[in-house]
Amino acid sequence: MLFLSFPTLNLFPLAWIALVPFFIALTRTTNWKSAFWIGYLTGFLFFAGLLPAIALLYPYANIFATTVGYLLLVGYTGLYFAVFAALMKFVRVDSGILFPIACACIWTALEWVRSWMITGFPWGSVGYSQWNNLLGIQVASVIGVHGISFVIVLFNAGIATLISNRHEWRQESRAVVLPLMLIICCLGYGALQLRHAEPINTDADANTETLNVALIPGNIPQLQKWNRNEFPKILQHYTNLTYEANQENPDLIVWPETAIRSEALTGRWPTYYGRFDRMLRQTATPILIGTANRGKTDDAIGKFSKSNDKTGEPIFNRVLSIAPDGKIHADYAKMHLVPFGEYIPLEHLIPDFIPDFIMFEPFAHGKSVNLLPVFIVKSKADIENPGQANVTDEQINIGASICFESVFPDEFRRPVQKGAAVMGIFTNDAWFEGTAFPELHLSMAPFRAVENRIAVFRCANGGFTCVVDKFGRITTPLVTPDMTDETLVASVPLRASIEQTQTLYTRYGDWFPILCTIVCLGGFGSLIVIRRQRQDA
């Protein structure tokens, strides 16, 4: 049932009862070891159903390596269920409200640990099952996605407590009352927040500044993206779509992660550089574009010279902000890379034969959170001379999150803290064609928008391209992975001044799961002290 609450079926109400059988099974185990193995089996089966896309990466890598990687990842993530189950054996099910609270705290703490341990893997956090539950997820602006997991687990554990102690149901009913009260509070908070939301199909409020963005996903199959001989066709595809979208006069054009080869931007390949430069000048529109380039980014495109060859410099996965005249205003390099997909962790410690299975040149980690300024040309009539217009450049700072980074809420909030007016997710999900992964990735975007109360545009090659408003609503039609000739031009609301709009989550991040972790450490620390005192007595 927990698996069915996630994409692609998205039966999110099931998550509210999915863990009840698991919790009841734990109460009937005889010791922590048997609980551990029940937990491990449950976790292994859940993640095995959620993550088969890892094994299906074999068209791009050795099938032995992808299968082993899949089994190792499922085996590792299943351990968190097992540790949870073992720890719950130290909490009595007939302890009333203590059992559900302990369940929720331990589960939330372990989810949070999984989100950063060994570089982090937050896929499958229970809160993400609710991405279509608009009322229920608004409280994420206070407690984040891990707080949503806490509420769901608390309710599941309350029901399990009541069923396990059904002969004393009057006394144990308090185990359900608190979760119900908390759910009502969360839904009430959501209703209050959504009162301020404009209907999706209406124009934005006159007081809300917007940015008209043209998203060009392209949806190039991954095997073509890797083929250098396919690049002329790929570039022509993106330029044709850009010319088409530019007819709607957007303020900004956006291409997805690694959309263009850096050789076409530096001028190393003059023919393709000429085509891109011509498109840039003819559209006369700034562009945010994903590429992989070496060393430091030049201050303008077309800067290649043999004397300035950067061969040997580290390569970065970047997004560039390029003006119509070719000037590069800023760049952002991806900081949180995919282990064994974009870099090799602890490379100096692993056996020499392992790199033979790696079919890519590792990326280097970006070092800083850089906003991407774009300058939008605005014409404003002079009050004293209405017949004349002053042309000004309005600077809008955009925060970038590249692919894997968007699944980490504590990292996503950093550009918002620095003053981003809107967030962009640039991703290439074509690796996972035909699997649930592109939609699983999409399901995290509404949470990032709600947590920071900021609009998010999402440009995904081989994934789902759309705009998400600050309430987590997808406000545009979806450009799906199979739509190779579709673009999306939409108005994206900009965030107001930073002083007025920072949410509790934006300011303090994962304070709630950290609090749960402290409570768990304090609780188990107290149990250890009490047991030692009894043994000494």
Protein backbone atom coordinates (compact mmCIF):
# COMPACT_ATOMS: atom_id res chain seq x y z
CA MET A 1 0.00 0.00 0.00
CA LEU A 2 2.87 2.38 0.70
CA PHE A 3 4.34 1.65 -2.72
CA LEU A 4 0.96 2.29 -4.39
CA SER A 5 0.72 5.74 -2.78
CA PHE A 6 3.73 6.92 -4.84
CA PRO A 7 3.94 7.56 -8.59
CA THR A 8 2.87 6.29 -10.96
CA LEU A 9 -0.41 5.22 -9.32
CA ASN A 10 -0.40 8.09 -6.78
CA LEU A 11 -3.05 6.58 -4.49
CA PHE A 12 -1.94 8.96 -1.74
CA PRO A 13 -4.77 8.23 0.77
CA LEU A 14 -3.31 4.71 1.14
CA ALA A 15 -0.24 6.16 2.86
CA TRP A 16 -2.41 7.06 5.86
CA ILE A 17 -3.07 3.36 6.60
CA ALA A 18 -0.24 1.60 4.71
CA LEU A 19 2.04 1.21 7.74
CA VAL A 20 -0.62 -0.12 10.12
CA PRO A 21 -0.02 -3.83 9.31
CA PHE A 22 3.74 -3.29 9.62
CA PHE A 23 3.42 -1.66 13.05
CA ILE A 24 1.05 -4.39 14.28
CA ALA A 25 3.50 -7.05 13.08
CA LEU A 26 6.27 -5.39 15.08
CA THR A 27 4.21 -5.58 18.28
CA ARG A 28 3.99 -9.35 17.87
CA THR A 29 7.70 -10.02 17.46
CA THR A 30 9.48 -11.64 20.39
CA ASN A 31 12.73 -9.64 20.36
CA TRP A 32 14.57 -6.86 18.56
CA LYS A 33 16.31 -9.29 16.20
CA SER A 34 13.08 -10.67 14.76
CA ALA A 35 11.74 -7.11 14.53
CA PHE A 36 14.90 -6.10 12.66
CA TRP A 37 14.39 -8.78 10.00
CA ILE A 38 10.69 -8.01 9.58
CA GLY A 39 11.63 -4.36 9.14
CA TYR A 40 14.37 -5.21 6.67
CA LEU A 41 12.07 -7.39 4.57
CA THR A 42 9.44 -4.63 4.52
CA GLY A 43 11.94 -1.95 3.57
CA PHE A 44 13.64 -4.12 0.96
CA LEU A 45 10.33 -4.90 -0.77
CA PHE A 46 9.20 -1.26 -0.68
CA PHE A 47 12.39 0.13 -2.20
CA ALA A 48 12.71 -2.78 -4.63
CA GLY A 49 9.35 -1.73 -6.06
CA LEU A 50 10.20 1.96 -5.99
CA LEU A 51 13.70 1.93 -7.51
CA PRO A 52 13.84 -0.57 -10.43
CA ALA A 53 14.85 2.30 -12.72
CA ILE A 54 18.39 1.92 -11.35
CA ALA A 55 18.66 -1.61 -12.74
CA LEU A 56 17.19 -0.44 -16.05
CA LEU A 57 20.10 1.93 -16.66
CA TYR A 58 21.90 -0.90 -18.48
CA PRO A 59 21.56 0.71 -21.95
CA TYR A 60 23.99 3.36 -20.70
CA ALA A 61 26.26 1.17 -18.55
CA ASN A 62 27.31 -2.40 -17.84
CA ILE A 63 24.22 -4.48 -16.93
CA PHE A 64 26.20 -6.23 -14.19
CA ALA A 65 27.10 -2.87 -12.64
CA THR A 66 23.52 -1.52 -12.79
CA THR A 67 22.03 -4.70 -11.30
CA VAL A 68 24.57 -4.77 -8.48
CA GLY A 69 24.03 -1.06 -7.91
CA TYR A 70 20.27 -1.57 -7.72
CA LEU A 71 20.57 -4.43 -5.22
CA LEU A 72 23.08 -2.55 -3.10
CA LEU A 73 20.91 0.58 -3.03
CA VAL A 74 17.75 -1.37 -2.16
CA GLY A 75 19.66 -3.32 0.47
CA TYR A 76 21.06 -0.13 1.97
CA THR A 77 17.78 1.82 2.08
CA GLY A 78 15.94 -1.20 3.51
CA LEU A 79 18.24 -0.97 6.53
CA TYR A 80 16.45 2.17 7.71
CA PHE A 81 13.19 0.24 8.06
CA ALA A 82 15.12 -2.48 9.90
CA VAL A 83 16.76 -0.08 12.36
CA PHE A 84 13.39 1.57 12.96
CA ALA A 85 11.79 -1.80 13.69
CA ALA A 86 14.56 -2.84 16.09
CA LEU A 87 14.37 0.44 18.02
CA MET A 88 10.59 0.20 18.34
CA LYS A 89 10.99 -3.03 20.34
CA PHE A 90 12.13 -0.85 23.23
CA VAL A 91 8.76 0.99 23.27
CA ARG A 92 5.75 -0.86 24.65
CA VAL A 93 2.64 -0.83 22.47
CA ASP A 94 0.41 -0.50 25.56
CA SER A 95 2.11 2.75 26.54
CA GLY A 96 -0.76 4.82 25.14
CA ILE A 97 0.18 7.90 23.16
CA LEU A 98 3.90 7.26 23.76
CA PHE A 99 3.98 4.47 21.15
CA PRO A 100 2.68 6.63 18.24
CA ILE A 101 4.90 9.57 19.25
CA ALA A 102 7.95 7.30 19.47
CA CYS A 103 7.08 5.77 16.08
CA ALA A 104 6.79 9.17 14.42
CA CYS A 105 9.93 10.62 16.01
CA ILE A 106 12.14 7.62 15.20
CA TRP A 107 10.81 7.31 11.65
CA THR A 108 11.27 11.04 10.95
CA ALA A 109 14.76 11.07 12.45
CA LEU A 110 15.82 8.10 10.29
CA GLU A 111 14.31 9.64 7.14
CA TRP A 112 16.31 12.78 7.83
CA VAL A 113 19.51 10.80 8.42
CA ARG A 114 18.94 8.93 5.15
CA SER A 115 18.64 12.29 3.36
CA TRP A 116 22.30 13.13 4.10
CA MET A 117 24.09 9.93 5.15
CA ILE A 118 26.57 8.74 2.47
CA THR A 119 25.77 11.83 0.35
CA GLY A 120 22.03 11.33 0.92
CA PHE A 121 19.16 9.47 -0.74
CA PRO A 122 15.73 10.94 0.16
CA TRP A 123 13.67 9.05 -2.46
CA GLY A 124 10.77 7.23 -0.83
CA SER A 125 10.29 9.59 2.12
CA VAL A 126 6.68 9.03 3.13
CA GLY A 127 5.78 12.72 2.94
CA TYR A 128 6.36 12.77 -0.82
CA SER A 129 3.38 10.47 -1.33
CA GLN A 130 1.15 13.49 -0.60
CA TRP A 131 2.30 15.70 -3.48
CA ASN A 132 -1.24 15.75 -4.89
CA ASN A 133 -2.76 16.52 -1.48
CA LEU A 134 -2.71 20.33 -1.65
CA LEU A 135 -4.44 20.90 1.68
CA GLY A 136 -2.14 18.52 3.48
CA ILE A 137 1.21 19.76 2.19
CA GLN A 138 0.87 23.50 2.93
CA VAL A 139 2.31 22.97 6.41
CA ALA A 140 5.60 22.05 4.72
CA SER A 141 6.39 25.79 4.77
CA VAL A 142 6.82 25.33 8.54
CA ILE A 143 8.02 21.74 9.11
CA GLY A 144 9.20 20.64 5.66
CA VAL A 145 8.49 17.35 3.91
CA HIS A 146 9.85 15.39 6.89
CA GLY A 147 7.16 16.99 9.04
CA ILE A 148 4.53 15.60 6.66
CA SER A 149 6.08 12.15 7.15
CA PHE A 150 5.82 12.65 10.92
CA VAL A 151 2.08 13.33 10.76
CA ILE A 152 1.40 10.34 8.48
CA VAL A 153 3.41 7.91 10.62
CA LEU A 154 1.85 9.27 13.82
CA PHE A 155 -1.63 8.52 12.45
CA ASN A 156 -0.64 5.03 11.25
CA ALA A 157 0.90 4.24 14.62
CA GLY A 158 -2.17 5.55 16.46
CA ILE A 159 -4.43 3.17 14.53
CA ALA A 160 -2.02 0.29 15.12
CA THR A 161 -1.99 1.04 18.86
CA LEU A 162 -5.78 1.06 19.00
CA ILE A 163 -6.06 -2.24 17.10
CA SER A 164 -3.35 -3.93 19.17
CA ASN A 165 -5.10 -2.88 22.40
CA ARG A 166 -8.66 -3.17 21.13
CA HIS A 167 -9.82 -4.85 24.36
CA GLU A 168 -9.03 -1.58 26.13
CA TRP A 169 -10.10 0.66 23.29
CA ARG A 170 -11.62 3.36 25.49
CA GLN A 171 -8.35 3.94 27.29
CA GLU A 172 -6.23 3.60 24.13
CA SER A 173 -8.42 5.88 22.00
CA ARG A 174 -6.19 8.76 23.06
CA ALA A 175 -3.55 7.27 20.75
CA VAL A 176 -5.76 8.29 17.82
CA VAL A 177 -7.15 11.54 19.22
CA LEU A 178 -3.81 13.40 19.14
CA PRO A 179 -2.99 12.40 15.53
CA LEU A 180 -6.50 13.39 14.44
CA MET A 181 -6.17 16.77 16.14
CA LEU A 182 -2.81 17.31 14.48
CA ILE A 183 -4.23 16.37 11.06
CA ILE A 184 -7.12 18.82 11.55
CA CYS A 185 -4.64 21.57 12.46
CA CYS A 186 -2.55 20.84 9.36
CA LEU A 187 -5.59 20.82 7.08
CA GLY A 188 -6.85 24.02 8.69
CA TYR A 189 -3.49 25.69 8.12
CA GLY A 190 -3.60 24.50 4.51
CA ALA A 191 -7.08 25.93 4.02
CA LEU A 192 -5.98 29.30 5.41
CA GLN A 193 -2.98 29.39 3.07
CA LEU A 194 -4.97 28.38 0.00
CA ARG A 195 -7.47 31.20 0.66
CA HIS A 196 -4.84 33.55 -0.77
CA ALA A 197 -4.31 31.46 -3.90
CA GLU A 198 -5.71 32.80 -7.14
CA PRO A 199 -7.59 30.29 -9.33
CA ILE A 200 -5.13 28.63 -11.68
CA ASN A 201 -6.88 29.63 -14.89
CA THR A 202 -7.07 33.36 -14.07
CA ASP A 203 -4.51 36.07 -14.70
CA ALA A 204 -2.07 36.91 -11.94
CA ASP A 205 -2.93 39.61 -9.43
CA ALA A 206 -2.09 43.11 -10.68
CA ASN A 207 0.25 43.57 -7.70
CA THR A 208 2.21 40.40 -8.52
CA GLU A 209 5.22 40.82 -10.77
CA THR A 210 5.70 37.97 -13.23
CA LEU A 211 8.37 36.65 -15.56
CA ASN A 212 7.31 35.26 -18.92
CA VAL A 213 9.43 32.14 -19.39
CA ALA A 214 9.82 29.93 -22.46
CA LEU A 215 10.79 26.39 -21.42
CA ILE A 216 12.41 24.30 -24.18
CA PRO A 217 12.78 20.71 -22.89
CA GLY A 218 13.72 19.16 -26.26
CA ASN A 219 13.24 15.62 -24.91
CA ILE A 220 16.32 14.18 -26.58
CA PRO A 221 16.80 10.42 -25.89
CA GLN A 222 19.85 9.79 -23.72
CA LEU A 223 21.64 7.58 -26.23
CA GLN A 224 21.43 10.41 -28.78
CA LYS A 225 22.72 12.98 -26.27
CA TRP A 226 25.84 10.85 -25.77
CA ASN A 227 26.47 10.53 -29.51
CA ARG A 228 28.69 13.37 -30.75
CA ASN A 229 27.50 12.75 -34.32
CA GLU A 230 23.95 13.57 -33.24
CA PHE A 231 24.88 17.02 -31.92
CA PRO A 232 24.14 18.98 -35.15
CA LYS A 233 20.61 17.57 -35.20
CA ILE A 234 20.15 18.20 -31.47
CA LEU A 235 21.29 21.82 -31.75
CA GLN A 236 19.02 22.40 -34.74
CA HIS A 237 16.11 20.89 -32.81
CA TYR A 238 16.63 23.24 -29.86
CA THR A 239 17.10 26.32 -32.05
CA ASN A 240 13.96 25.56 -34.08
CA LEU A 241 11.91 25.18 -30.89
CA THR A 242 13.42 28.38 -29.50
CA TYR A 243 12.48 30.39 -32.61
CA GLU A 244 8.97 28.99 -32.35
CA ALA A 245 8.58 29.84 -28.65
CA ASN A 246 10.11 33.29 -29.15
CA GLN A 247 7.12 34.28 -31.26
CA GLU A 248 5.20 34.62 -27.97
CA ASN A 249 7.67 37.30 -26.79
CA PRO A 250 8.99 35.66 -23.62
CA ASP A 251 11.24 37.54 -21.19
CA LEU A 252 13.53 34.54 -20.80
CA ILE A 253 14.38 31.35 -22.67
CA VAL A 254 15.36 28.22 -20.71
CA TRP A 255 17.10 25.08 -21.97
CA PRO A 256 17.52 22.05 -19.64
CA GLU A 257 20.53 20.45 -17.98
CA THR A 258 23.47 19.70 -20.34
CA ALA A 259 21.40 20.76 -23.34
CA ILE A 260 24.38 21.99 -25.39
CA ARG A 261 28.00 20.98 -25.84
CA SER A 262 30.40 23.57 -24.44
CA GLU A 263 32.39 23.51 -27.70
CA ALA A 264 29.45 25.22 -29.39
CA LEU A 265 29.54 28.03 -26.82
CA THR A 266 33.28 28.64 -26.72
CA GLY A 267 33.71 28.69 -30.48
CA ARG A 268 35.88 25.56 -30.56
CA TRP A 269 33.33 24.28 -33.06
CA PRO A 270 32.88 27.47 -35.15
CA THR A 271 29.98 26.24 -37.30
CA TYR A 272 27.78 25.34 -34.35
CA TYR A 273 28.86 28.39 -32.38
CA GLY A 274 27.75 30.53 -35.31
CA ARG A 275 24.32 28.89 -35.35
CA PHE A 276 23.84 29.41 -31.61
CA ASP A 277 25.12 32.99 -31.68
CA ARG A 278 22.83 33.82 -34.59
CA MET A 279 19.82 32.38 -32.74
CA LEU A 280 20.74 34.35 -29.63
CA ARG A 281 20.93 37.66 -31.48
CA GLN A 282 17.83 37.09 -33.61
CA THR A 283 15.65 36.17 -30.65
CA ALA A 284 17.11 39.12 -28.64
CA THR A 285 16.11 37.32 -25.44
CA PRO A 286 18.31 36.30 -22.50
CA ILE A 287 18.76 32.56 -22.03
CA LEU A 288 19.52 30.18 -19.16
CA ILE A 289 21.19 27.12 -20.56
CA GLY A 290 22.60 23.88 -19.16
CA THR A 291 26.04 22.80 -20.28
CA ALA A 292 29.17 21.02 -19.04
CA ASN A 293 32.28 23.17 -19.32
CA ARG A 294 35.82 23.14 -17.99
CA GLY A 295 37.52 25.40 -15.53
CA LYS A 296 36.27 28.93 -15.00
CA THR A 297 33.53 30.26 -17.23
CA ASP A 298 34.54 33.01 -19.64
CA ASP A 299 32.82 36.40 -19.52
CA ALA A 300 31.25 35.85 -22.96
CA ILE A 301 30.61 33.06 -25.44
CA GLY A 302 32.94 32.56 -28.42
CA LYS A 303 36.12 33.05 -26.38
CA PHE A 304 37.96 29.91 -27.49
CA SER A 305 41.55 30.18 -28.59
CA LYS A 306 44.25 27.50 -28.73
CA SER A 307 46.39 29.53 -26.36
CA ASN A 308 43.55 29.39 -23.84
CA ASP A 309 42.74 25.70 -24.23
CA LYS A 310 41.35 24.35 -20.92
CA THR A 311 42.11 20.67 -21.56
CA GLY A 312 42.97 19.05 -18.25
CA GLU A 313 40.84 21.45 -16.20
CA PRO A 314 38.03 19.90 -14.09
CA ILE A 315 34.65 19.71 -15.77
CA PHE A 316 31.52 21.15 -14.13
CA ASN A 317 27.79 20.62 -14.69
CA ARG A 318 26.64 24.22 -15.06
CA VAL A 319 23.81 26.56 -15.89
CA LEU A 320 24.84 29.80 -17.62
CA SER A 321 22.98 33.11 -17.81
CA ILE A 322 23.71 34.49 -21.29
CA ALA A 323 22.60 37.89 -22.62
CA PRO A 324 21.47 38.35 -26.25
CA ASP A 325 24.84 39.95 -27.08
CA GLY A 326 26.65 36.83 -25.86
CA LYS A 327 27.82 38.19 -22.51
CA ILE A 328 27.76 35.60 -19.69
CA HIS A 329 26.37 37.36 -16.62
CA ALA A 330 26.87 34.46 -14.20
CA ASP A 331 27.11 30.70 -13.89
CA TYR A 332 26.11 28.12 -11.31
CA ALA A 333 27.95 24.81 -11.01
CA LYS A 334 26.14 21.80 -9.58
CA MET A 335 27.29 21.21 -6.00
CA HIS A 336 25.55 17.94 -5.03
CA LEU A 337 26.58 15.40 -7.64
CA VAL A 338 25.18 11.89 -8.15
CA PRO A 339 27.56 9.29 -6.68
CA PHE A 340 28.78 6.81 -9.33
CA GLY A 341 26.69 8.75 -11.87
CA GLU A 342 28.62 12.03 -11.95
CA TYR A 343 31.58 11.32 -9.70
CA ILE A 344 33.25 8.42 -7.90
CA PRO A 345 33.12 8.75 -4.09
CA LEU A 346 36.39 8.00 -2.26
CA GLU A 347 38.01 7.24 -5.60
CA HIS A 348 41.46 6.92 -4.03
CA LEU A 349 40.21 4.13 -1.73
CA ILE A 350 38.38 1.86 -4.18
CA PRO A 351 40.01 -1.01 -6.09
CA ASP A 352 41.65 -0.17 -9.42
CA PHE A 353 39.24 -2.30 -11.43
CA ILE A 354 36.11 -0.37 -10.35
CA PRO A 355 36.71 2.64 -12.67
CA ASP A 356 36.63 0.24 -15.63
CA PHE A 357 32.86 0.00 -15.10
CA ILE A 358 32.48 3.81 -15.07
CA MET A 359 31.62 5.08 -18.54
CA PHE A 360 31.94 8.84 -17.95
CA GLU A 361 34.41 11.55 -17.06
CA PRO A 362 33.69 12.54 -13.44
CA PHE A 363 32.42 16.05 -12.74
CA ALA A 364 33.91 18.37 -10.14
CA HIS A 365 31.74 19.73 -7.33
CA GLY A 366 30.62 23.36 -7.52
CA LYS A 367 31.80 25.48 -4.62
CA SER A 368 29.21 28.21 -4.08
CA VAL A 369 25.52 29.10 -4.41
CA ASN A 370 25.42 31.62 -7.24
CA LEU A 371 22.25 33.38 -8.34
CA LEU A 372 21.72 33.81 -12.07
CA PRO A 373 20.82 37.41 -12.94
CA VAL A 374 18.87 38.05 -16.12
CA PHE A 375 18.18 41.52 -17.46
CA ILE A 376 14.72 42.07 -18.88
CA VAL A 377 14.20 45.05 -21.17
CA LYS A 378 11.27 47.14 -19.99
CA SER A 379 9.82 50.22 -21.68
CA LYS A 380 8.29 52.78 -19.32
CA ALA A 381 6.49 55.91 -20.41
CA ASP A 382 7.76 59.17 -18.90
CA ILE A 383 5.07 60.76 -16.72
CA GLU A 384 5.89 64.28 -17.94
CA ASN A 385 6.28 63.16 -21.56
CA PRO A 386 3.78 60.34 -22.13
CA GLY A 387 4.70 60.15 -25.78
CA GLN A 388 8.25 59.12 -24.97
CA ALA A 389 9.42 55.85 -23.47
CA ASN A 390 12.49 55.11 -21.40
CA VAL A 391 14.07 51.73 -21.98
CA THR A 392 15.47 50.19 -18.80
CA ASP A 393 16.94 46.84 -17.84
CA GLU A 394 15.24 45.14 -14.89
CA GLN A 395 17.47 42.64 -13.11
CA ILE A 396 15.81 39.47 -11.86
CA ASN A 397 17.84 37.01 -9.80
CA ILE A 398 17.04 33.36 -10.46
CA GLY A 399 18.07 30.44 -8.28
CA ALA A 400 19.14 27.24 -10.00
CA SER A 401 18.83 23.64 -8.84
CA ILE A 402 20.33 21.07 -11.19
CA CYS A 403 18.61 17.66 -11.33
CA PHE A 404 19.58 15.60 -8.23
CA GLU A 405 19.95 18.78 -6.14
CA SER A 406 16.21 19.46 -6.23
CA VAL A 407 15.50 16.43 -4.02
CA PHE A 408 17.39 17.99 -1.10
CA PRO A 409 15.15 20.58 0.60
CA ASP A 410 17.86 22.01 2.84
CA GLU A 411 20.02 22.77 -0.21
CA PHE A 412 17.17 24.06 -2.37
CA ARG A 413 16.41 26.82 0.15
CA ARG A 414 19.89 28.38 -0.02
CA PRO A 415 19.35 30.39 -3.23
CA VAL A 416 16.03 31.57 -1.78
CA GLN A 417 17.87 32.77 1.32
CA LYS A 418 20.24 34.69 -0.94
CA GLY A 419 17.34 36.54 -2.56
CA ALA A 420 16.20 34.49 -5.57
CA ALA A 421 12.96 35.86 -6.99
CA VAL A 422 12.09 32.53 -8.62
CA MET A 423 13.64 29.05 -8.67
CA GLY A 424 14.44 26.97 -11.72
CA ILE A 425 14.97 23.19 -11.83
CA PHE A 426 17.17 22.16 -14.76
CA THR A 427 17.22 18.42 -15.23
CA ASN A 428 17.89 15.57 -17.61
CA ASP A 429 15.59 12.67 -16.71
CA ALA A 430 16.07 10.88 -20.03
CA TRP A 431 18.23 8.31 -18.23
CA PHE A 432 15.04 6.82 -16.80
CA GLU A 433 12.86 6.60 -19.90
CA GLY A 434 9.83 4.35 -19.43
CA THR A 435 10.10 4.18 -15.62
CA ALA A 436 8.39 5.95 -12.72
CA PHE A 437 11.52 7.96 -11.87
CA PRO A 438 10.69 11.10 -13.93
CA GLU A 439 7.35 11.41 -12.13
CA LEU A 440 8.95 10.58 -8.76
CA HIS A 441 11.35 13.44 -9.43
CA LEU A 442 8.48 15.73 -10.43
CA SER A 443 6.61 14.91 -7.20
CA MET A 444 9.31 16.66 -5.16
CA ALA A 445 8.97 20.04 -6.91
CA PRO A 446 5.66 21.02 -5.22
CA PHE A 447 7.29 20.52 -1.82
CA ARG A 448 10.25 22.74 -2.73
CA ALA A 449 7.80 25.44 -3.83
CA VAL A 450 5.66 25.20 -0.67
CA GLU A 451 8.61 24.96 1.73
CA ASN A 452 9.95 28.29 0.46
CA ARG A 453 6.72 29.89 -0.83
CA ILE A 454 8.36 30.51 -4.17
CA ALA A 455 7.32 29.70 -7.72
CA VAL A 456 9.38 27.06 -9.50
CA PHE A 457 9.78 26.47 -13.22
CA ARG A 458 10.96 23.04 -14.23
CA CYS A 459 12.71 22.40 -17.56
CA ALA A 460 13.31 18.67 -17.99
CA ASN A 461 14.80 16.81 -20.91
CA GLY A 462 13.07 13.42 -20.89
CA GLY A 463 11.00 14.38 -17.86
CA PHE A 464 8.07 16.59 -16.94
CA THR A 465 8.30 20.30 -17.80
CA CYS A 466 5.93 22.69 -16.01
CA VAL A 467 5.52 25.63 -13.64
CA VAL A 468 4.66 25.11 -9.97
CA ASP A 469 3.31 28.03 -7.95
CA LYS A 470 4.18 28.79 -4.33
CA PHE A 471 1.24 26.68 -3.13
CA GLY A 472 2.56 23.56 -4.86
CA ARG A 473 0.03 23.67 -7.68
CA ILE A 474 1.12 22.75 -11.21
CA THR A 475 -0.32 25.77 -13.01
CA THR A 476 0.55 24.83 -16.60
CA PRO A 477 -0.04 21.88 -18.89
CA LEU A 478 2.68 19.26 -18.53
CA VAL A 479 5.18 18.74 -21.31
CA THR A 480 5.69 14.99 -20.92
CA PRO A 481 8.78 12.97 -21.92
CA ASP A 482 7.27 11.80 -25.21
CA MET A 483 6.51 15.34 -26.47
CA THR A 484 9.62 16.08 -28.53
CA ASP A 485 8.26 19.13 -30.36
CA GLU A 486 6.48 20.88 -27.49
CA THR A 487 7.51 24.05 -25.68
CA LEU A 488 5.93 25.81 -22.73
CA VAL A 489 5.59 29.59 -22.49
CA ALA A 490 4.10 30.71 -19.19
CA SER A 491 4.07 33.58 -16.70
CA VAL A 492 5.85 32.74 -13.47
CA PRO A 493 5.07 34.87 -10.37
CA LEU A 494 8.11 36.45 -8.76
CA ARG A 495 8.74 36.46 -5.04
CA ALA A 496 8.30 39.72 -3.15
CA SER A 497 11.02 41.28 -0.96
CA ILE A 498 13.05 38.80 1.07
CA GLU A 499 12.12 40.35 4.42
CA GLN A 500 8.41 39.76 3.92
CA THR A 501 8.31 36.31 2.40
CA GLN A 502 10.87 33.99 4.03
CA THR A 503 9.09 31.00 5.49
CA LEU A 504 10.06 29.30 8.72
CA TYR A 505 11.52 26.48 6.65
CA THR A 506 13.54 28.85 4.46
CA ARG A 507 15.06 30.44 7.57
CA TYR A 508 15.76 27.37 9.68
CA GLY A 509 15.70 24.40 7.30
CA ASP A 510 15.29 20.92 8.76
CA TRP A 511 14.74 22.08 12.32
CA PHE A 512 11.80 19.69 12.81
CA PRO A 513 13.54 16.35 11.98
CA ILE A 514 16.56 17.57 13.94
CA LEU A 515 14.25 18.11 16.93
CA CYS A 516 12.88 14.57 16.45
CA THR A 517 16.45 13.24 16.39
CA ILE A 518 17.29 15.05 19.63
CA VAL A 519 14.14 13.66 21.26
CA CYS A 520 15.10 10.13 20.15
CA LEU A 521 18.67 10.45 21.41
CA GLY A 522 17.41 11.85 24.71
CA GLY A 523 14.80 9.12 25.10
CA PHE A 524 17.13 6.22 24.37
CA GLY A 525 19.88 7.81 26.41
CA SER A 526 17.51 7.95 29.36
CA LEU A 527 16.58 4.28 28.87
CA ILE A 528 20.24 3.28 28.94
CA VAL A 529 20.87 5.26 32.14
CA ILE A 530 17.79 3.81 33.85
CA ARG A 531 18.77 0.22 32.92
CA ARG A 532 22.30 0.68 34.23
CA GLN A 533 21.00 2.11 37.49
CA ARG A 534 18.70 -0.90 37.90
CA GLN A 535 21.56 -3.29 37.18
CA ASP A 536 23.77 -1.53 39.74
CA ALA A 537 20.96 -1.69 42.30
